[in-house]
Structures are given as C-alpha cells and as structure tokens.
Full PDB file with SEQRES, HELIX, SHEET, SSBOND, CRYST1, ORIGX, SCALE, CONECT and MASTER records, all heavy atoms in Angstrom:
SEQRES   1 A   43  LYS LYS ASN HIS HIS LEU HIS LYS PRO VAL PHE ILE GLY          
SEQRES   2 A   43  GLU VAL LYS ALA ASP GLY GLN PHE ASN VAL VAL TRP LYS          
SEQRES   3 A   43  THR PRO GLY PRO ILE LYS ALA GLN PRO TRP SER PRO TYR          
SEQRES   4 A   43  ILE PRO GLU ASN                                              
SHEET    1 AA1 2 PHE A  11  VAL A  15  0                                        
SHEET    2 AA1 2 PHE A  21  LYS A  26 -1                                        
CRYST1    1.000    1.000    1.000  90.00  90.00  90.00 P 1           1          
ORIGX1      1.000000  0.000000  0.000000        0.00000                         
ORIGX2      0.000000  1.000000  0.000000        0.00000                         
ORIGX3      0.000000  0.000000  1.000000        0.00000                         
SCALE1      1.000000  0.000000  0.000000        0.00000                         
SCALE2      0.000000  1.000000  0.000000        0.00000                         
SCALE3      0.000000  0.000000  1.000000        0.00000                         
ATOM      1  N   LYS A   1     -69.116-107.201-182.844  1.00  0.00           N  
ATOM      2  CA  LYS A   1     -69.938-106.514-182.036  1.00  0.00           C  
ATOM      3  C   LYS A   1     -70.067-107.070-180.568  1.00  0.00           C  
ATOM      4  O   LYS A   1     -70.483-106.339-179.643  1.00  0.00           O  
ATOM      5  CB  LYS A   1     -71.359-106.531-182.640  1.00  0.00           C  
ATOM      6  CG  LYS A   1     -71.553-105.741-183.860  1.00  0.00           C  
ATOM      7  CD  LYS A   1     -72.899-105.693-184.403  1.00  0.00           C  
ATOM      8  CE  LYS A   1     -73.074-104.793-185.666  1.00  0.00           C  
ATOM      9  NZ  LYS A   1     -72.293-105.170-186.771  1.00  0.00           N  
ATOM     10  N   LYS A   2     -69.482-108.238-180.386  1.00  0.00           N  
ATOM     11  CA  LYS A   2     -69.528-108.834-179.077  1.00  0.00           C  
ATOM     12  C   LYS A   2     -68.179-109.300-178.469  1.00  0.00           C  
ATOM     13  O   LYS A   2     -67.907-109.169-177.323  1.00  0.00           O  
ATOM     14  CB  LYS A   2     -70.538-110.029-178.999  1.00  0.00           C  
ATOM     15  CG  LYS A   2     -71.921-109.638-179.145  1.00  0.00           C  
ATOM     16  CD  LYS A   2     -72.890-110.856-179.009  1.00  0.00           C  
ATOM     17  CE  LYS A   2     -74.293-110.527-178.981  1.00  0.00           C  
ATOM     18  NZ  LYS A   2     -75.249-111.673-178.909  1.00  0.00           N  
ATOM     19  N   ASN A   3     -67.385-110.059-179.390  1.00  0.00           N  
ATOM     20  CA  ASN A   3     -66.293-110.783-178.760  1.00  0.00           C  
ATOM     21  C   ASN A   3     -64.929-110.128-178.730  1.00  0.00           C  
ATOM     22  O   ASN A   3     -63.919-110.809-178.423  1.00  0.00           O  
ATOM     23  CB  ASN A   3     -66.236-112.208-179.432  1.00  0.00           C  
ATOM     24  CG  ASN A   3     -65.631-112.243-180.766  1.00  0.00           C  
ATOM     25  OD1 ASN A   3     -65.006-111.158-181.251  1.00  0.00           O  
ATOM     26  ND2 ASN A   3     -65.676-113.287-181.506  1.00  0.00           N  
ATOM     27  N   HIS A   4     -64.821-108.776-178.898  1.00  0.00           N  
ATOM     28  CA  HIS A   4     -63.549-107.986-178.823  1.00  0.00           C  
ATOM     29  C   HIS A   4     -62.478-108.521-179.662  1.00  0.00           C  
ATOM     30  O   HIS A   4     -61.222-108.128-179.439  1.00  0.00           O  
ATOM     31  CB  HIS A   4     -63.187-108.115-177.316  1.00  0.00           C  
ATOM     32  CG  HIS A   4     -63.899-107.335-176.319  1.00  0.00           C  
ATOM     33  ND1 HIS A   4     -63.395-106.565-175.306  1.00  0.00           N  
ATOM     34  CD2 HIS A   4     -65.176-107.000-176.325  1.00  0.00           C  
ATOM     35  CE1 HIS A   4     -64.339-105.949-174.583  1.00  0.00           C  
ATOM     36  NE2 HIS A   4     -65.496-106.160-175.199  1.00  0.00           N  
ATOM     37  N   HIS A   5     -62.783-109.165-180.803  1.00  0.00           N  
ATOM     38  CA  HIS A   5     -61.763-109.662-181.752  1.00  0.00           C  
ATOM     39  C   HIS A   5     -62.151-109.016-183.183  1.00  0.00           C  
ATOM     40  O   HIS A   5     -63.265-108.839-183.469  1.00  0.00           O  
ATOM     41  CB  HIS A   5     -61.745-111.139-182.007  1.00  0.00           C  
ATOM     42  CG  HIS A   5     -61.152-111.825-180.691  1.00  0.00           C  
ATOM     43  ND1 HIS A   5     -61.727-111.844-179.424  1.00  0.00           N  
ATOM     44  CD2 HIS A   5     -59.925-112.601-180.713  1.00  0.00           C  
ATOM     45  CE1 HIS A   5     -60.921-112.578-178.653  1.00  0.00           C  
ATOM     46  NE2 HIS A   5     -59.874-112.927-179.403  1.00  0.00           N  
ATOM     47  N   LEU A   6     -61.128-108.727-183.851  1.00  0.00           N  
ATOM     48  CA  LEU A   6     -61.368-108.284-185.295  1.00  0.00           C  
ATOM     49  C   LEU A   6     -61.789-109.460-186.200  1.00  0.00           C  
ATOM     50  O   LEU A   6     -61.247-110.540-185.983  1.00  0.00           O  
ATOM     51  CB  LEU A   6     -60.132-107.602-185.833  1.00  0.00           C  
ATOM     52  CG  LEU A   6     -59.570-106.350-185.223  1.00  0.00           C  
ATOM     53  CD1 LEU A   6     -58.302-105.839-185.910  1.00  0.00           C  
ATOM     54  CD2 LEU A   6     -60.708-105.199-185.395  1.00  0.00           C  
ATOM     55  N   HIS A   7     -62.536-109.145-187.112  1.00  0.00           N  
ATOM     56  CA  HIS A   7     -62.849-110.089-188.321  1.00  0.00           C  
ATOM     57  C   HIS A   7     -61.574-109.940-189.202  1.00  0.00           C  
ATOM     58  O   HIS A   7     -61.462-108.764-189.703  1.00  0.00           O  
ATOM     59  CB  HIS A   7     -64.171-109.849-188.947  1.00  0.00           C  
ATOM     60  CG  HIS A   7     -65.326-110.028-188.157  1.00  0.00           C  
ATOM     61  ND1 HIS A   7     -66.590-110.313-188.569  1.00  0.00           N  
ATOM     62  CD2 HIS A   7     -65.525-110.063-186.757  1.00  0.00           C  
ATOM     63  CE1 HIS A   7     -67.454-110.468-187.637  1.00  0.00           C  
ATOM     64  NE2 HIS A   7     -66.859-110.351-186.552  1.00  0.00           N  
ATOM     65  N   LYS A   8     -60.910-111.078-189.540  1.00  0.00           N  
ATOM     66  CA  LYS A   8     -59.593-110.850-190.260  1.00  0.00           C  
ATOM     67  C   LYS A   8     -59.507-111.739-191.538  1.00  0.00           C  
ATOM     68  O   LYS A   8     -59.909-112.854-191.252  1.00  0.00           O  
ATOM     69  CB  LYS A   8     -58.478-110.995-189.300  1.00  0.00           C  
ATOM     70  CG  LYS A   8     -58.292-109.961-188.149  1.00  0.00           C  
ATOM     71  CD  LYS A   8     -57.230-110.306-187.190  1.00  0.00           C  
ATOM     72  CE  LYS A   8     -55.913-109.870-187.714  1.00  0.00           C  
ATOM     73  NZ  LYS A   8     -55.503-108.412-187.588  1.00  0.00           N  
ATOM     74  N   PRO A   9     -58.880-111.263-192.519  1.00  0.00           N  
ATOM     75  CA  PRO A   9     -58.500-112.227-193.643  1.00  0.00           C  
ATOM     76  C   PRO A   9     -57.333-113.160-193.226  1.00  0.00           C  
ATOM     77  O   PRO A   9     -56.617-112.629-192.223  1.00  0.00           O  
ATOM     78  CB  PRO A   9     -58.211-111.330-194.780  1.00  0.00           C  
ATOM     79  CG  PRO A   9     -57.633-110.126-194.138  1.00  0.00           C  
ATOM     80  CD  PRO A   9     -58.310-109.959-192.780  1.00  0.00           C  
ATOM     81  N   VAL A  10     -57.198-114.207-193.810  1.00  0.00           N  
ATOM     82  CA  VAL A  10     -55.990-115.058-193.517  1.00  0.00           C  
ATOM     83  C   VAL A  10     -55.163-115.215-194.865  1.00  0.00           C  
ATOM     84  O   VAL A  10     -55.703-115.481-195.979  1.00  0.00           O  
ATOM     85  CB  VAL A  10     -56.328-116.480-193.020  1.00  0.00           C  
ATOM     86  CG1 VAL A  10     -55.102-117.305-192.641  1.00  0.00           C  
ATOM     87  CG2 VAL A  10     -57.356-116.453-191.873  1.00  0.00           C  
ATOM     88  N   PHE A  11     -53.843-115.030-194.705  1.00  0.00           N  
ATOM     89  CA  PHE A  11     -52.920-115.111-195.938  1.00  0.00           C  
ATOM     90  C   PHE A  11     -51.823-116.121-195.555  1.00  0.00           C  
ATOM     91  O   PHE A  11     -51.284-116.050-194.422  1.00  0.00           O  
ATOM     92  CB  PHE A  11     -52.204-113.782-196.237  1.00  0.00           C  
ATOM     93  CG  PHE A  11     -53.174-112.659-196.591  1.00  0.00           C  
ATOM     94  CD1 PHE A  11     -53.644-111.721-195.731  1.00  0.00           C  
ATOM     95  CD2 PHE A  11     -53.625-112.494-197.855  1.00  0.00           C  
ATOM     96  CE1 PHE A  11     -54.508-110.732-196.016  1.00  0.00           C  
ATOM     97  CE2 PHE A  11     -54.522-111.449-198.307  1.00  0.00           C  
ATOM     98  CZ  PHE A  11     -54.962-110.602-197.413  1.00  0.00           C  
ATOM     99  N   ILE A  12     -51.405-117.010-196.499  1.00  0.00           N  
ATOM    100  CA  ILE A  12     -50.276-117.803-196.271  1.00  0.00           C  
ATOM    101  C   ILE A  12     -49.250-117.342-197.392  1.00  0.00           C  
ATOM    102  O   ILE A  12     -49.563-117.241-198.503  1.00  0.00           O  
ATOM    103  CB  ILE A  12     -50.656-119.264-196.393  1.00  0.00           C  
ATOM    104  CG1 ILE A  12     -51.501-119.754-195.224  1.00  0.00           C  
ATOM    105  CG2 ILE A  12     -49.347-120.137-196.353  1.00  0.00           C  
ATOM    106  CD1 ILE A  12     -52.120-121.077-195.228  1.00  0.00           C  
ATOM    107  N   GLY A  13     -48.019-117.070-196.832  1.00  0.00           N  
ATOM    108  CA  GLY A  13     -47.131-116.530-197.891  1.00  0.00           C  
ATOM    109  C   GLY A  13     -45.887-117.412-197.745  1.00  0.00           C  
ATOM    110  O   GLY A  13     -45.529-118.071-196.733  1.00  0.00           O  
ATOM    111  N   GLU A  14     -45.179-117.538-198.986  1.00  0.00           N  
ATOM    112  CA  GLU A  14     -43.884-118.157-199.200  1.00  0.00           C  
ATOM    113  C   GLU A  14     -42.785-117.187-198.992  1.00  0.00           C  
ATOM    114  O   GLU A  14     -42.898-116.118-199.649  1.00  0.00           O  
ATOM    115  CB  GLU A  14     -43.863-118.900-200.522  1.00  0.00           C  
ATOM    116  CG  GLU A  14     -44.494-120.249-200.674  1.00  0.00           C  
ATOM    117  CD  GLU A  14     -44.235-120.825-202.049  1.00  0.00           C  
ATOM    118  OE1 GLU A  14     -43.790-120.082-203.037  1.00  0.00           O  
ATOM    119  OE2 GLU A  14     -44.525-121.980-202.276  1.00  0.00           O  
ATOM    120  N   VAL A  15     -41.696-117.596-198.329  1.00  0.00           N  
ATOM    121  CA  VAL A  15     -40.548-116.738-198.306  1.00  0.00           C  
ATOM    122  C   VAL A  15     -39.945-116.587-199.656  1.00  0.00           C  
ATOM    123  O   VAL A  15     -39.707-117.645-200.340  1.00  0.00           O  
ATOM    124  CB  VAL A  15     -39.516-117.317-197.264  1.00  0.00           C  
ATOM    125  CG1 VAL A  15     -38.240-116.347-197.245  1.00  0.00           C  
ATOM    126  CG2 VAL A  15     -40.152-117.430-195.845  1.00  0.00           C  
ATOM    127  N   LYS A  16     -39.582-115.358-200.062  1.00  0.00           N  
ATOM    128  CA  LYS A  16     -38.840-115.125-201.223  1.00  0.00           C  
ATOM    129  C   LYS A  16     -37.344-114.761-201.005  1.00  0.00           C  
ATOM    130  O   LYS A  16     -37.093-114.592-199.716  1.00  0.00           O  
ATOM    131  CB  LYS A  16     -39.488-113.901-201.970  1.00  0.00           C  
ATOM    132  CG  LYS A  16     -40.900-114.144-202.414  1.00  0.00           C  
ATOM    133  CD  LYS A  16     -41.383-113.150-203.470  1.00  0.00           C  
ATOM    134  CE  LYS A  16     -41.272-111.629-203.066  1.00  0.00           C  
ATOM    135  NZ  LYS A  16     -41.828-110.751-204.120  1.00  0.00           N  
ATOM    136  N   ALA A  17     -36.567-114.832-201.985  1.00  0.00           N  
ATOM    137  CA  ALA A  17     -35.102-114.573-201.723  1.00  0.00           C  
ATOM    138  C   ALA A  17     -34.768-113.266-201.081  1.00  0.00           C  
ATOM    139  O   ALA A  17     -33.672-113.089-200.453  1.00  0.00           O  
ATOM    140  CB  ALA A  17     -34.322-114.732-203.009  1.00  0.00           C  
ATOM    141  N   ASP A  18     -35.706-112.307-201.279  1.00  0.00           N  
ATOM    142  CA  ASP A  18     -35.449-110.875-200.633  1.00  0.00           C  
ATOM    143  C   ASP A  18     -36.030-110.723-199.317  1.00  0.00           C  
ATOM    144  O   ASP A  18     -36.046-109.631-198.768  1.00  0.00           O  
ATOM    145  CB  ASP A  18     -35.972-109.815-201.729  1.00  0.00           C  
ATOM    146  CG  ASP A  18     -37.512-109.947-201.800  1.00  0.00           C  
ATOM    147  OD1 ASP A  18     -38.170-110.777-201.366  1.00  0.00           O  
ATOM    148  OD2 ASP A  18     -38.068-109.113-202.538  1.00  0.00           O  
ATOM    149  N   GLY A  19     -36.594-111.837-198.682  1.00  0.00           N  
ATOM    150  CA  GLY A  19     -37.102-111.740-197.431  1.00  0.00           C  
ATOM    151  C   GLY A  19     -38.573-111.209-197.293  1.00  0.00           C  
ATOM    152  O   GLY A  19     -39.064-111.059-196.239  1.00  0.00           O  
ATOM    153  N   GLN A  20     -39.083-111.084-198.442  1.00  0.00           N  
ATOM    154  CA  GLN A  20     -40.481-110.724-198.544  1.00  0.00           C  
ATOM    155  C   GLN A  20     -41.340-112.036-198.686  1.00  0.00           C  
ATOM    156  O   GLN A  20     -40.696-113.166-198.784  1.00  0.00           O  
ATOM    157  CB  GLN A  20     -40.820-109.737-199.693  1.00  0.00           C  
ATOM    158  CG  GLN A  20     -40.325-108.408-199.466  1.00  0.00           C  
ATOM    159  CD  GLN A  20     -41.099-107.651-198.378  1.00  0.00           C  
ATOM    160  OE1 GLN A  20     -42.323-107.732-198.322  1.00  0.00           O  
ATOM    161  NE2 GLN A  20     -40.477-106.922-197.529  1.00  0.00           N  
ATOM    162  N   PHE A  21     -42.682-111.903-198.782  1.00  0.00           N  
ATOM    163  CA  PHE A  21     -43.455-113.125-199.001  1.00  0.00           C  
ATOM    164  C   PHE A  21     -44.368-113.028-200.194  1.00  0.00           C  
ATOM    165  O   PHE A  21     -44.950-112.030-200.533  1.00  0.00           O  
ATOM    166  CB  PHE A  21     -44.484-113.290-197.658  1.00  0.00           C  
ATOM    167  CG  PHE A  21     -43.773-113.581-196.450  1.00  0.00           C  
ATOM    168  CD1 PHE A  21     -43.162-112.698-195.516  1.00  0.00           C  
ATOM    169  CD2 PHE A  21     -43.573-114.903-196.060  1.00  0.00           C  
ATOM    170  CE1 PHE A  21     -42.437-112.898-194.466  1.00  0.00           C  
ATOM    171  CE2 PHE A  21     -42.806-115.382-194.879  1.00  0.00           C  
ATOM    172  CZ  PHE A  21     -42.357-114.211-194.134  1.00  0.00           C  
ATOM    173  N   ASN A  22     -44.503-114.088-200.835  1.00  0.00           N  
ATOM    174  CA  ASN A  22     -45.417-114.207-202.024  1.00  0.00           C  
ATOM    175  C   ASN A  22     -46.691-115.032-201.425  1.00  0.00           C  
ATOM    176  O   ASN A  22     -46.626-116.080-201.067  1.00  0.00           O  
ATOM    177  CB  ASN A  22     -44.719-115.063-203.050  1.00  0.00           C  
ATOM    178  CG  ASN A  22     -45.542-115.392-204.224  1.00  0.00           C  
ATOM    179  OD1 ASN A  22     -46.334-114.373-204.794  1.00  0.00           O  
ATOM    180  ND2 ASN A  22     -45.633-116.540-204.668  1.00  0.00           N  
ATOM    181  N   VAL A  23     -47.878-114.420-201.635  1.00  0.00           N  
ATOM    182  CA  VAL A  23     -49.074-115.035-201.043  1.00  0.00           C  
ATOM    183  C   VAL A  23     -49.493-116.110-201.934  1.00  0.00           C  
ATOM    184  O   VAL A  23     -49.678-116.030-203.106  1.00  0.00           O  
ATOM    185  CB  VAL A  23     -50.203-113.976-201.022  1.00  0.00           C  
ATOM    186  CG1 VAL A  23     -51.512-114.626-200.579  1.00  0.00           C  
ATOM    187  CG2 VAL A  23     -49.796-112.811-199.940  1.00  0.00           C  
ATOM    188  N   VAL A  24     -49.455-117.351-201.330  1.00  0.00           N  
ATOM    189  CA  VAL A  24     -49.910-118.574-202.176  1.00  0.00           C  
ATOM    190  C   VAL A  24     -51.298-118.991-201.724  1.00  0.00           C  
ATOM    191  O   VAL A  24     -51.917-119.976-202.506  1.00  0.00           O  
ATOM    192  CB  VAL A  24     -48.951-119.689-201.795  1.00  0.00           C  
ATOM    193  CG1 VAL A  24     -47.564-119.377-202.360  1.00  0.00           C  
ATOM    194  CG2 VAL A  24     -48.812-120.031-200.403  1.00  0.00           C  
ATOM    195  N   TRP A  25     -51.879-118.454-200.761  1.00  0.00           N  
ATOM    196  CA  TRP A  25     -53.294-118.884-200.412  1.00  0.00           C  
ATOM    197  C   TRP A  25     -53.882-117.806-199.505  1.00  0.00           C  
ATOM    198  O   TRP A  25     -53.186-117.118-198.745  1.00  0.00           O  
ATOM    199  CB  TRP A  25     -53.281-120.229-199.524  1.00  0.00           C  
ATOM    200  CG  TRP A  25     -54.643-120.734-199.248  1.00  0.00           C  
ATOM    201  CD1 TRP A  25     -55.369-121.607-199.994  1.00  0.00           C  
ATOM    202  CD2 TRP A  25     -55.382-120.416-197.960  1.00  0.00           C  
ATOM    203  NE1 TRP A  25     -56.603-121.799-199.204  1.00  0.00           N  
ATOM    204  CE2 TRP A  25     -56.649-121.145-198.000  1.00  0.00           C  
ATOM    205  CE3 TRP A  25     -55.079-119.678-196.804  1.00  0.00           C  
ATOM    206  CZ2 TRP A  25     -57.564-121.077-197.032  1.00  0.00           C  
ATOM    207  CZ3 TRP A  25     -56.002-119.576-195.809  1.00  0.00           C  
ATOM    208  CH2 TRP A  25     -57.265-120.223-195.949  1.00  0.00           C  
ATOM    209  N   LYS A  26     -55.259-117.542-199.701  1.00  0.00           N  
ATOM    210  CA  LYS A  26     -55.850-116.573-198.748  1.00  0.00           C  
ATOM    211  C   LYS A  26     -57.397-116.818-198.821  1.00  0.00           C  
ATOM    212  O   LYS A  26     -57.884-117.565-199.663  1.00  0.00           O  
ATOM    213  CB  LYS A  26     -55.700-115.125-199.316  1.00  0.00           C  
ATOM    214  CG  LYS A  26     -56.177-114.902-200.752  1.00  0.00           C  
ATOM    215  CD  LYS A  26     -55.875-113.445-201.178  1.00  0.00           C  
ATOM    216  CE  LYS A  26     -56.445-113.173-202.513  1.00  0.00           C  
ATOM    217  NZ  LYS A  26     -56.252-111.797-202.975  1.00  0.00           N  
ATOM    218  N   THR A  27     -57.896-116.376-197.734  1.00  0.00           N  
ATOM    219  CA  THR A  27     -59.420-116.565-197.552  1.00  0.00           C  
ATOM    220  C   THR A  27     -60.070-115.402-198.492  1.00  0.00           C  
ATOM    221  O   THR A  27     -59.412-114.438-198.772  1.00  0.00           O  
ATOM    222  CB  THR A  27     -59.843-116.273-196.112  1.00  0.00           C  
ATOM    223  OG1 THR A  27     -59.382-115.058-195.689  1.00  0.00           O  
ATOM    224  CG2 THR A  27     -59.310-117.401-195.154  1.00  0.00           C  
ATOM    225  N   PRO A  28     -61.296-115.710-198.848  1.00  0.00           N  
ATOM    226  CA  PRO A  28     -61.918-114.708-199.782  1.00  0.00           C  
ATOM    227  C   PRO A  28     -62.223-113.339-199.165  1.00  0.00           C  
ATOM    228  O   PRO A  28     -62.176-112.353-199.802  1.00  0.00           O  
ATOM    229  CB  PRO A  28     -63.317-115.372-200.167  1.00  0.00           C  
ATOM    230  CG  PRO A  28     -63.047-116.883-199.767  1.00  0.00           C  
ATOM    231  CD  PRO A  28     -62.182-116.932-198.687  1.00  0.00           C  
ATOM    232  N   GLY A  29     -62.273-113.451-197.818  1.00  0.00           N  
ATOM    233  CA  GLY A  29     -62.455-112.132-197.018  1.00  0.00           C  
ATOM    234  C   GLY A  29     -62.194-112.360-195.582  1.00  0.00           C  
ATOM    235  O   GLY A  29     -61.730-113.411-195.221  1.00  0.00           O  
ATOM    236  N   PRO A  30     -62.558-111.328-194.681  1.00  0.00           N  
ATOM    237  CA  PRO A  30     -62.394-111.538-193.344  1.00  0.00           C  
ATOM    238  C   PRO A  30     -63.160-112.577-192.760  1.00  0.00           C  
ATOM    239  O   PRO A  30     -64.369-112.867-193.173  1.00  0.00           O  
ATOM    240  CB  PRO A  30     -62.671-110.236-192.720  1.00  0.00           C  
ATOM    241  CG  PRO A  30     -62.660-109.282-193.899  1.00  0.00           C  
ATOM    242  CD  PRO A  30     -63.028-109.924-195.095  1.00  0.00           C  
ATOM    243  N   ILE A  31     -62.614-113.374-191.686  1.00  0.00           N  
ATOM    244  CA  ILE A  31     -63.351-114.386-190.930  1.00  0.00           C  
ATOM    245  C   ILE A  31     -63.491-113.994-189.566  1.00  0.00           C  
ATOM    246  O   ILE A  31     -62.542-113.356-188.964  1.00  0.00           O  
ATOM    247  CB  ILE A  31     -62.895-115.839-191.199  1.00  0.00           C  
ATOM    248  CG1 ILE A  31     -61.464-116.013-190.743  1.00  0.00           C  
ATOM    249  CG2 ILE A  31     -62.849-116.226-192.808  1.00  0.00           C  
ATOM    250  CD1 ILE A  31     -60.872-117.364-190.779  1.00  0.00           C  
ATOM    251  N   LYS A  32     -64.484-114.363-188.884  1.00  0.00           N  
ATOM    252  CA  LYS A  32     -64.780-114.089-187.542  1.00  0.00           C  
ATOM    253  C   LYS A  32     -63.934-114.904-186.609  1.00  0.00           C  
ATOM    254  O   LYS A  32     -63.702-116.112-186.900  1.00  0.00           O  
ATOM    255  CB  LYS A  32     -66.241-114.361-187.196  1.00  0.00           C  
ATOM    256  CG  LYS A  32     -66.719-114.004-185.740  1.00  0.00           C  
ATOM    257  CD  LYS A  32     -68.132-114.235-185.508  1.00  0.00           C  
ATOM    258  CE  LYS A  32     -68.321-114.098-184.036  1.00  0.00           C  
ATOM    259  NZ  LYS A  32     -69.857-114.169-183.632  1.00  0.00           N  
ATOM    260  N   ALA A  33     -63.367-114.370-185.617  1.00  0.00           N  
ATOM    261  CA  ALA A  33     -62.465-115.004-184.611  1.00  0.00           C  
ATOM    262  C   ALA A  33     -63.387-115.983-183.743  1.00  0.00           C  
ATOM    263  O   ALA A  33     -64.470-115.705-183.363  1.00  0.00           O  
ATOM    264  CB  ALA A  33     -61.837-113.982-183.741  1.00  0.00           C  
ATOM    265  N   GLN A  34     -62.697-117.176-183.367  1.00  0.00           N  
ATOM    266  CA  GLN A  34     -63.307-117.956-182.399  1.00  0.00           C  
ATOM    267  C   GLN A  34     -62.343-117.973-181.173  1.00  0.00           C  
ATOM    268  O   GLN A  34     -61.393-118.801-181.140  1.00  0.00           O  
ATOM    269  CB  GLN A  34     -63.390-119.460-182.938  1.00  0.00           C  
ATOM    270  CG  GLN A  34     -64.518-119.538-183.964  1.00  0.00           C  
ATOM    271  CD  GLN A  34     -64.370-121.008-184.542  1.00  0.00           C  
ATOM    272  OE1 GLN A  34     -63.313-121.720-184.618  1.00  0.00           O  
ATOM    273  NE2 GLN A  34     -65.464-121.576-184.925  1.00  0.00           N  
ATOM    274  N   PRO A  35     -62.570-117.171-180.135  1.00  0.00           N  
ATOM    275  CA  PRO A  35     -61.782-117.060-178.863  1.00  0.00           C  
ATOM    276  C   PRO A  35     -61.713-118.529-178.225  1.00  0.00           C  
ATOM    277  O   PRO A  35     -60.656-118.880-177.642  1.00  0.00           O  
ATOM    278  CB  PRO A  35     -62.304-115.979-178.107  1.00  0.00           C  
ATOM    279  CG  PRO A  35     -63.229-115.256-179.035  1.00  0.00           C  
ATOM    280  CD  PRO A  35     -63.721-116.283-180.138  1.00  0.00           C  
ATOM    281  N   TRP A  36     -62.816-119.148-178.205  1.00  0.00           N  
ATOM    282  CA  TRP A  36     -62.921-120.503-177.588  1.00  0.00           C  
ATOM    283  C   TRP A  36     -62.847-121.584-178.664  1.00  0.00           C  
ATOM    284  O   TRP A  36     -63.750-121.761-179.390  1.00  0.00           O  
ATOM    285  CB  TRP A  36     -64.203-120.713-176.717  1.00  0.00           C  
ATOM    286  CG  TRP A  36     -64.333-119.537-175.728  1.00  0.00           C  
ATOM    287  CD1 TRP A  36     -65.335-118.619-175.720  1.00  0.00           C  
ATOM    288  CD2 TRP A  36     -63.565-119.320-174.606  1.00  0.00           C  
ATOM    289  NE1 TRP A  36     -65.073-117.713-174.727  1.00  0.00           N  
ATOM    290  CE2 TRP A  36     -64.078-118.188-173.969  1.00  0.00           C  
ATOM    291  CE3 TRP A  36     -62.431-119.983-174.034  1.00  0.00           C  
ATOM    292  CZ2 TRP A  36     -63.529-117.615-172.709  1.00  0.00           C  
ATOM    293  CZ3 TRP A  36     -61.903-119.488-172.867  1.00  0.00           C  
ATOM    294  CH2 TRP A  36     -62.414-118.339-172.165  1.00  0.00           C  
ATOM    295  N   SER A  37     -61.817-122.247-178.770  1.00  0.00           N  
ATOM    296  CA  SER A  37     -61.640-123.249-179.837  1.00  0.00           C  
ATOM    297  C   SER A  37     -62.685-124.389-179.722  1.00  0.00           C  
ATOM    298  O   SER A  37     -62.812-124.982-178.701  1.00  0.00           O  
ATOM    299  CB  SER A  37     -60.263-123.859-179.872  1.00  0.00           C  
ATOM    300  OG  SER A  37     -60.221-124.931-180.850  1.00  0.00           O  
ATOM    301  N   PRO A  38     -63.320-124.697-180.948  1.00  0.00           N  
ATOM    302  CA  PRO A  38     -64.240-125.806-180.884  1.00  0.00           C  
ATOM    303  C   PRO A  38     -63.612-127.213-180.587  1.00  0.00           C  
ATOM    304  O   PRO A  38     -64.215-128.121-180.456  1.00  0.00           O  
ATOM    305  CB  PRO A  38     -64.946-125.721-182.168  1.00  0.00           C  
ATOM    306  CG  PRO A  38     -63.993-124.927-183.134  1.00  0.00           C  
ATOM    307  CD  PRO A  38     -63.263-123.990-182.193  1.00  0.00           C  
ATOM    308  N   TYR A  39     -62.204-127.117-180.850  1.00  0.00           N  
ATOM    309  CA  TYR A  39     -61.498-128.436-180.731  1.00  0.00           C  
ATOM    310  C   TYR A  39     -61.135-128.781-179.262  1.00  0.00           C  
ATOM    311  O   TYR A  39     -60.428-129.859-178.948  1.00  0.00           O  
ATOM    312  CB  TYR A  39     -60.164-128.388-181.535  1.00  0.00           C  
ATOM    313  CG  TYR A  39     -60.598-128.271-183.030  1.00  0.00           C  
ATOM    314  CD1 TYR A  39     -60.451-126.985-183.780  1.00  0.00           C  
ATOM    315  CD2 TYR A  39     -61.070-129.385-183.744  1.00  0.00           C  
ATOM    316  CE1 TYR A  39     -60.982-126.903-185.015  1.00  0.00           C  
ATOM    317  CE2 TYR A  39     -61.500-129.277-185.138  1.00  0.00           C  
ATOM    318  CZ  TYR A  39     -61.446-128.098-185.782  1.00  0.00           C  
ATOM    319  OH  TYR A  39     -61.881-127.899-187.023  1.00  0.00           O  
ATOM    320  N   ILE A  40     -61.460-127.922-178.370  1.00  0.00           N  
ATOM    321  CA  ILE A  40     -61.238-128.114-176.931  1.00  0.00           C  
ATOM    322  C   ILE A  40     -62.550-128.468-176.362  1.00  0.00           C  
ATOM    323  O   ILE A  40     -63.446-127.489-176.186  1.00  0.00           O  
ATOM    324  CB  ILE A  40     -60.638-126.842-176.133  1.00  0.00           C  
ATOM    325  CG1 ILE A  40     -59.284-126.424-176.883  1.00  0.00           C  
ATOM    326  CG2 ILE A  40     -60.405-127.075-174.702  1.00  0.00           C  
ATOM    327  CD1 ILE A  40     -58.097-127.321-176.754  1.00  0.00           C  
ATOM    328  N   PRO A  41     -62.826-129.699-175.866  1.00  0.00           N  
ATOM    329  CA  PRO A  41     -64.110-130.180-175.420  1.00  0.00           C  
ATOM    330  C   PRO A  41     -64.686-129.247-174.351  1.00  0.00           C  
ATOM    331  O   PRO A  41     -65.886-128.993-174.232  1.00  0.00           O  
ATOM    332  CB  PRO A  41     -64.010-131.625-175.007  1.00  0.00           C  
ATOM    333  CG  PRO A  41     -62.693-132.067-175.736  1.00  0.00           C  
ATOM    334  CD  PRO A  41     -61.893-130.862-175.857  1.00  0.00           C  
ATOM    335  N   GLU A  42     -63.907-128.801-173.363  1.00  0.00           N  
ATOM    336  CA  GLU A  42     -64.353-128.094-172.320  1.00  0.00           C  
ATOM    337  C   GLU A  42     -64.972-126.674-172.728  1.00  0.00           C  
ATOM    338  O   GLU A  42     -65.636-125.982-171.813  1.00  0.00           O  
ATOM    339  CB  GLU A  42     -63.070-127.820-171.324  1.00  0.00           C  
ATOM    340  CG  GLU A  42     -62.458-128.966-170.726  1.00  0.00           C  
ATOM    341  CD  GLU A  42     -61.234-129.347-171.674  1.00  0.00           C  
ATOM    342  OE1 GLU A  42     -60.203-128.843-171.442  1.00  0.00           O  
ATOM    343  OE2 GLU A  42     -61.581-130.239-172.614  1.00  0.00           O  
ATOM    344  N   ASN A  43     -64.704-126.421-173.922  1.00  0.00           N  
ATOM    345  CA  ASN A  43     -65.230-124.959-174.360  1.00  0.00           C  
ATOM    346  C   ASN A  43     -66.721-125.081-174.749  1.00  0.00           C  
ATOM    347  O   ASN A  43     -67.245-124.025-175.041  1.00  0.00           O  
ATOM    348  CB  ASN A  43     -64.326-124.457-175.544  1.00  0.00           C  
ATOM    349  CG  ASN A  43     -63.133-124.015-175.113  1.00  0.00           C  
ATOM    350  OD1 ASN A  43     -62.765-123.683-173.950  1.00  0.00           O  
ATOM    351  ND2 ASN A  43     -62.058-123.877-176.108  1.00  0.00           N  
TER     352      ASN A  43                                                      
MASTER        0    0    0    0    2    0    0    6  351    1    0    4          
END                                                                             
C-alpha cells in the first residue's frame, strides 16, 4: 500500500539435468519487501 514493491514468495531451486529447477526451499507465503536494507546502518 505504500512502498511500490510487491509482496512476493521466495523459492530456491536446484538445477535439474533438463535445465529446469526443482524447488528445495520456499517461504510459506509472500513476504513484504524492504527497499532500505536493515544491514546498512545509514538506512
């Protein structure tokens, strides 16, 4: 509603022999974006 970013799920996939990906980890649902990283002190 404010920060111009989509709430998105995250998937980690392993490369398969056919060039597709097998999902090995995912978030339970979409997560809100942090445009300003909390790991940058100036933010």
